[in-house]
Amino acid sequence: GIEKSKGRYIMFIDVDDYIEKDLLNKLEKYMNKEIELIKYKMKIIEKNNIQKVPSPEFDVTDGQDGFNKLCFKDKYLDSPCLYVIKKELLKRTNLKFSENMYHEDFGLIPQIIVNSKTIVSTDIYGYNYIQTQNSIMRDNNYSKELKKVI
């Protein structure tokens, strides 16, 4: 999908989650400045409970500094659904998701962050992470747990 995409930026949304309808409008000012990596925040939604997940905020900086500001302070640092990524960054670094495995995104985003020329972490809550009991992340089924570990 990334290789066939035609836009300047890429974003990811899990099938059971959703973004705020004005998210891209709010992030457009950063895209117009050609920022390579734009981070926004998420809300966790479980039944009628909505929890805003805190995340460090900072102005435009380089990837190494951005990683240092996020590392150990952002529980969802490596979640691709919380970033708009300039396609050119992915091309330049040749970083890709692993294929045919669970948690194919694990470890990729930190590499993308460190290799970005510019990153910003905004105060915008734009991603809605829906919690379901049958998710691979929440099911206590041993075989699913084993797949997560592998």
C-alpha atoms as a PDB file:
ATOM      1  CA  GLY A   1       0.000   0.000   0.000  1.00  0.00           C
ATOM      2  CA  ILE A   2       2.780   2.431   0.859  1.00  0.00           C
ATOM      3  CA  GLU A   3       4.593   1.839  -2.418  1.00  0.00           C
ATOM      4  CA  LYS A   4       1.406   2.308  -4.439  1.00  0.00           C
ATOM      5  CA  SER A   5       0.244   5.395  -2.571  1.00  0.00           C
ATOM      6  CA  LYS A   6       0.187   8.660  -4.498  1.00  0.00           C
ATOM      7  CA  GLY A   7       0.134  11.223  -1.663  1.00  0.00           C
ATOM      8  CA  ARG A   8       3.010  13.064  -0.009  1.00  0.00           C
ATOM      9  CA  TYR A   9       2.076  11.706   3.427  1.00  0.00           C
ATOM     10  CA  ILE A  10       1.059   8.326   4.829  1.00  0.00           C
ATOM     11  CA  MET A  11      -1.029   7.551   7.891  1.00  0.00           C
ATOM     12  CA  PHE A  12      -2.339   4.323   9.375  1.00  0.00           C
ATOM     13  CA  ILE A  13      -5.680   3.585  10.985  1.00  0.00           C
ATOM     14  CA  ASP A  14      -6.591   0.213  12.471  1.00  0.00           C
ATOM     15  CA  VAL A  15      -9.810  -1.217  11.092  1.00  0.00           C
ATOM     16  CA  ASP A  16     -11.726  -0.947  14.389  1.00  0.00           C
ATOM     17  CA  ASP A  17     -10.516   2.580  15.286  1.00  0.00           C
ATOM     18  CA  TYR A  18     -11.260   6.006  13.833  1.00  0.00           C
ATOM     19  CA  ILE A  19      -9.765   9.481  13.567  1.00  0.00           C
ATOM     20  CA  GLU A  20     -11.413  12.809  14.296  1.00  0.00           C
ATOM     21  CA  LYS A  21     -12.978  14.194  11.135  1.00  0.00           C
ATOM     22  CA  ASP A  22     -10.954  17.428  11.358  1.00  0.00           C
ATOM     23  CA  LEU A  23      -7.591  15.783  12.160  1.00  0.00           C
ATOM     24  CA  LEU A  24      -6.005  16.344   8.764  1.00  0.00           C
ATOM     25  CA  ASN A  25      -7.201  19.946   8.668  1.00  0.00           C
ATOM     26  CA  LYS A  26      -5.508  20.529  12.028  1.00  0.00           C
ATOM     27  CA  LEU A  27      -2.276  18.863  10.849  1.00  0.00           C
ATOM     28  CA  GLU A  28      -2.204  20.584   7.461  1.00  0.00           C
ATOM     29  CA  LYS A  29      -0.059  23.480   8.728  1.00  0.00           C
ATOM     30  CA  TYR A  30       2.729  20.998   9.528  1.00  0.00           C
ATOM     31  CA  MET A  31       2.374  19.233   6.194  1.00  0.00           C
ATOM     32  CA  ASN A  32       2.601  22.592   4.415  1.00  0.00           C
ATOM     33  CA  LYS A  33       5.939  23.111   6.211  1.00  0.00           C
ATOM     34  CA  GLU A  34       7.108  19.697   4.883  1.00  0.00           C
ATOM     35  CA  ILE A  35       7.649  18.276   8.401  1.00  0.00           C
ATOM     36  CA  GLU A  36       8.651  14.627   7.913  1.00  0.00           C
ATOM     37  CA  LEU A  37       6.989  13.184  11.012  1.00  0.00           C
ATOM     38  CA  ILE A  38       3.922  14.650  12.718  1.00  0.00           C
ATOM     39  CA  LYS A  39       2.767  13.091  15.983  1.00  0.00           C
ATOM     40  CA  TYR A  40      -0.683  13.527  17.468  1.00  0.00           C
ATOM     41  CA  LYS A  41      -2.408  12.102  20.521  1.00  0.00           C
ATOM     42  CA  MET A  42      -5.036   9.455  21.114  1.00  0.00           C
ATOM     43  CA  LYS A  43      -8.058   8.745  23.218  1.00  0.00           C
ATOM     44  CA  ILE A  44      -8.762   5.219  24.428  1.00  0.00           C
ATOM     45  CA  ILE A  45     -12.445   4.396  24.173  1.00  0.00           C
ATOM     46  CA  GLU A  46     -13.890   1.472  26.115  1.00  0.00           C
ATOM     47  CA  LYS A  47     -17.665   1.294  26.282  1.00  0.00           C
ATOM     48  CA  ASN A  48     -18.687   4.711  27.659  1.00  0.00           C
ATOM     49  CA  ASN A  49     -15.294   5.535  29.145  1.00  0.00           C
ATOM     50  CA  ILE A  50     -12.951   7.898  27.246  1.00  0.00           C
ATOM     51  CA  GLN A  51      -9.379   8.331  28.445  1.00  0.00           C
ATOM     52  CA  LYS A  52      -7.075  10.951  26.937  1.00  0.00           C
ATOM     53  CA  VAL A  53      -3.574   9.510  26.729  1.00  0.00           C
ATOM     54  CA  PRO A  54      -0.866  12.049  27.584  1.00  0.00           C
ATOM     55  CA  SER A  55       2.133  12.430  25.322  1.00  0.00           C
ATOM     56  CA  PRO A  56       5.043  14.862  25.326  1.00  0.00           C
ATOM     57  CA  GLU A  57       4.570  17.910  23.107  1.00  0.00           C
ATOM     58  CA  PHE A  58       7.387  19.768  21.382  1.00  0.00           C
ATOM     59  CA  ASP A  59       8.066  22.074  18.481  1.00  0.00           C
ATOM     60  CA  VAL A  60       9.835  21.008  15.315  1.00  0.00           C
ATOM     61  CA  THR A  61      13.189  19.362  15.982  1.00  0.00           C
ATOM     62  CA  ASP A  62      15.366  16.640  14.448  1.00  0.00           C
ATOM     63  CA  GLY A  63      14.684  12.936  14.835  1.00  0.00           C
ATOM     64  CA  GLN A  64      17.325  12.145  17.441  1.00  0.00           C
ATOM     65  CA  ASP A  65      16.146  14.967  19.702  1.00  0.00           C
ATOM     66  CA  GLY A  66      12.518  13.999  19.086  1.00  0.00           C
ATOM     67  CA  PHE A  67      13.244  10.393  20.014  1.00  0.00           C
ATOM     68  CA  ASN A  68      14.969  11.514  23.224  1.00  0.00           C
ATOM     69  CA  LYS A  69      11.938  13.633  24.127  1.00  0.00           C
ATOM     70  CA  LEU A  70       9.490  10.765  23.495  1.00  0.00           C
ATOM     71  CA  CYS A  71      11.477   7.758  24.724  1.00  0.00           C
ATOM     72  CA  PHE A  72      10.379   6.558  28.177  1.00  0.00           C
ATOM     73  CA  LYS A  73       7.750   9.324  28.327  1.00  0.00           C
ATOM     74  CA  ASP A  74       5.321   8.088  25.691  1.00  0.00           C
ATOM     75  CA  LYS A  75       3.693   4.706  26.285  1.00  0.00           C
ATOM     76  CA  TYR A  76       2.597   4.545  22.639  1.00  0.00           C
ATOM     77  CA  LEU A  77       5.849   5.792  21.088  1.00  0.00           C
ATOM     78  CA  ASP A  78       5.972   2.989  18.524  1.00  0.00           C
ATOM     79  CA  SER A  79       2.347   3.059  17.385  1.00  0.00           C
ATOM     80  CA  PRO A  80       2.210   4.017  13.670  1.00  0.00           C
ATOM     81  CA  CYS A  81      -1.400   5.161  14.009  1.00  0.00           C
ATOM     82  CA  LEU A  82      -0.230   8.254  15.944  1.00  0.00           C
ATOM     83  CA  TYR A  83       1.911   9.710  13.181  1.00  0.00           C
ATOM     84  CA  VAL A  84       1.543  11.260   9.774  1.00  0.00           C
ATOM     85  CA  ILE A  85       4.693  10.212   7.936  1.00  0.00           C
ATOM     86  CA  LYS A  86       6.113  11.945   4.897  1.00  0.00           C
ATOM     87  CA  LYS A  87       6.391   9.307   2.197  1.00  0.00           C
ATOM     88  CA  GLU A  88       9.816  10.634   1.199  1.00  0.00           C
ATOM     89  CA  LEU A  89      11.135   9.703   4.674  1.00  0.00           C
ATOM     90  CA  LEU A  90      10.141   6.082   4.114  1.00  0.00           C
ATOM     91  CA  LYS A  91      11.708   6.075   0.645  1.00  0.00           C
ATOM     92  CA  ARG A  92      14.935   7.702   1.846  1.00  0.00           C
ATOM     93  CA  THR A  93      15.442   5.308   4.762  1.00  0.00           C
ATOM     94  CA  ASN A  94      13.998   2.209   3.060  1.00  0.00           C
ATOM     95  CA  LEU A  95      12.312   1.334   6.377  1.00  0.00           C
ATOM     96  CA  LYS A  96       9.362  -1.055   5.978  1.00  0.00           C
ATOM     97  CA  PHE A  97       6.938  -3.101   8.016  1.00  0.00           C
ATOM     98  CA  SER A  98       7.828  -6.755   8.407  1.00  0.00           C
ATOM     99  CA  GLU A  99       5.530  -9.022   6.449  1.00  0.00           C
ATOM    100  CA  ASN A 100       3.464 -12.049   7.515  1.00  0.00           C
ATOM    101  CA  MET A 101       3.733 -11.578  11.269  1.00  0.00           C
ATOM    102  CA  TYR A 102       1.777 -10.219  14.211  1.00  0.00           C
ATOM    103  CA  HIS A 103       2.927  -6.824  15.496  1.00  0.00           C
ATOM    104  CA  GLU A 104       4.708  -6.093  12.245  1.00  0.00           C
ATOM    105  CA  ASP A 105       5.026  -2.484  13.357  1.00  0.00           C
ATOM    106  CA  PHE A 106       6.977  -3.238  16.539  1.00  0.00           C
ATOM    107  CA  GLY A 107      10.293  -1.411  16.519  1.00  0.00           C
ATOM    108  CA  LEU A 108       9.773   0.351  13.190  1.00  0.00           C
ATOM    109  CA  ILE A 109       8.530   3.734  14.387  1.00  0.00           C
ATOM    110  CA  PRO A 110      11.522   4.387  16.702  1.00  0.00           C
ATOM    111  CA  GLN A 111      13.788   3.825  13.693  1.00  0.00           C
ATOM    112  CA  ILE A 112      11.679   6.181  11.607  1.00  0.00           C
ATOM    113  CA  ILE A 113      11.773   8.816  14.363  1.00  0.00           C
ATOM    114  CA  VAL A 114      15.558   8.705  14.729  1.00  0.00           C
ATOM    115  CA  ASN A 115      16.019   8.907  10.949  1.00  0.00           C
ATOM    116  CA  SER A 116      13.644  11.827  10.428  1.00  0.00           C
ATOM    117  CA  LYS A 117      15.098  15.220   9.606  1.00  0.00           C
ATOM    118  CA  THR A 118      12.115  16.980  11.214  1.00  0.00           C
ATOM    119  CA  ILE A 119       9.547  15.865  13.766  1.00  0.00           C
ATOM    120  CA  VAL A 120       6.884  17.672  15.765  1.00  0.00           C
ATOM    121  CA  SER A 121       4.722  16.317  18.585  1.00  0.00           C
ATOM    122  CA  THR A 122       1.426  18.183  18.740  1.00  0.00           C
ATOM    123  CA  ASP A 123      -1.228  18.732  21.397  1.00  0.00           C
ATOM    124  CA  ILE A 124      -3.920  17.472  19.002  1.00  0.00           C
ATOM    125  CA  TYR A 125      -6.107  14.539  20.061  1.00  0.00           C
ATOM    126  CA  GLY A 126      -6.982  12.945  16.750  1.00  0.00           C
ATOM    127  CA  TYR A 127      -6.927   9.160  17.087  1.00  0.00           C
ATOM    128  CA  ASN A 128      -9.663   7.130  18.775  1.00  0.00           C
ATOM    129  CA  TYR A 129      -8.440   3.728  19.920  1.00  0.00           C
ATOM    130  CA  ILE A 130     -11.408   1.411  20.454  1.00  0.00           C
ATOM    131  CA  GLN A 131     -10.921  -1.299  23.076  1.00  0.00           C
ATOM    132  CA  THR A 132     -12.602  -4.624  22.382  1.00  0.00           C
ATOM    133  CA  GLN A 133     -12.336  -7.809  24.400  1.00  0.00           C
ATOM    134  CA  ASN A 134     -11.576 -10.003  21.361  1.00  0.00           C
ATOM    135  CA  SER A 135      -8.540  -7.973  20.275  1.00  0.00           C
ATOM    136  CA  ILE A 136      -5.195  -9.785  20.052  1.00  0.00           C
ATOM    137  CA  MET A 137      -3.867  -7.169  22.459  1.00  0.00           C
ATOM    138  CA  ARG A 138      -6.456  -7.936  25.171  1.00  0.00           C
ATOM    139  CA  ASP A 139      -7.343 -11.605  24.793  1.00  0.00           C
ATOM    140  CA  ASN A 140      -5.705 -13.835  27.416  1.00  0.00           C
ATOM    141  CA  ASN A 141      -5.697 -16.811  25.049  1.00  0.00           C
ATOM    142  CA  TYR A 142      -2.297 -18.495  25.392  1.00  0.00           C
ATOM    143  CA  SER A 143      -1.818 -19.163  21.668  1.00  0.00           C
ATOM    144  CA  LYS A 144      -2.485 -15.489  20.906  1.00  0.00           C
ATOM    145  CA  GLU A 145      -0.056 -14.464  23.658  1.00  0.00           C
ATOM    146  CA  LEU A 146       2.549 -16.734  22.128  1.00  0.00           C
ATOM    147  CA  LYS A 147       2.008 -15.116  18.708  1.00  0.00           C
ATOM    148  CA  LYS A 148       2.506 -11.673  20.293  1.00  0.00           C
ATOM    149  CA  VAL A 149       5.797 -12.802  21.831  1.00  0.00           C
ATOM    150  CA  ILE A 150       7.040 -14.371  18.607  1.00  0.00           C
END
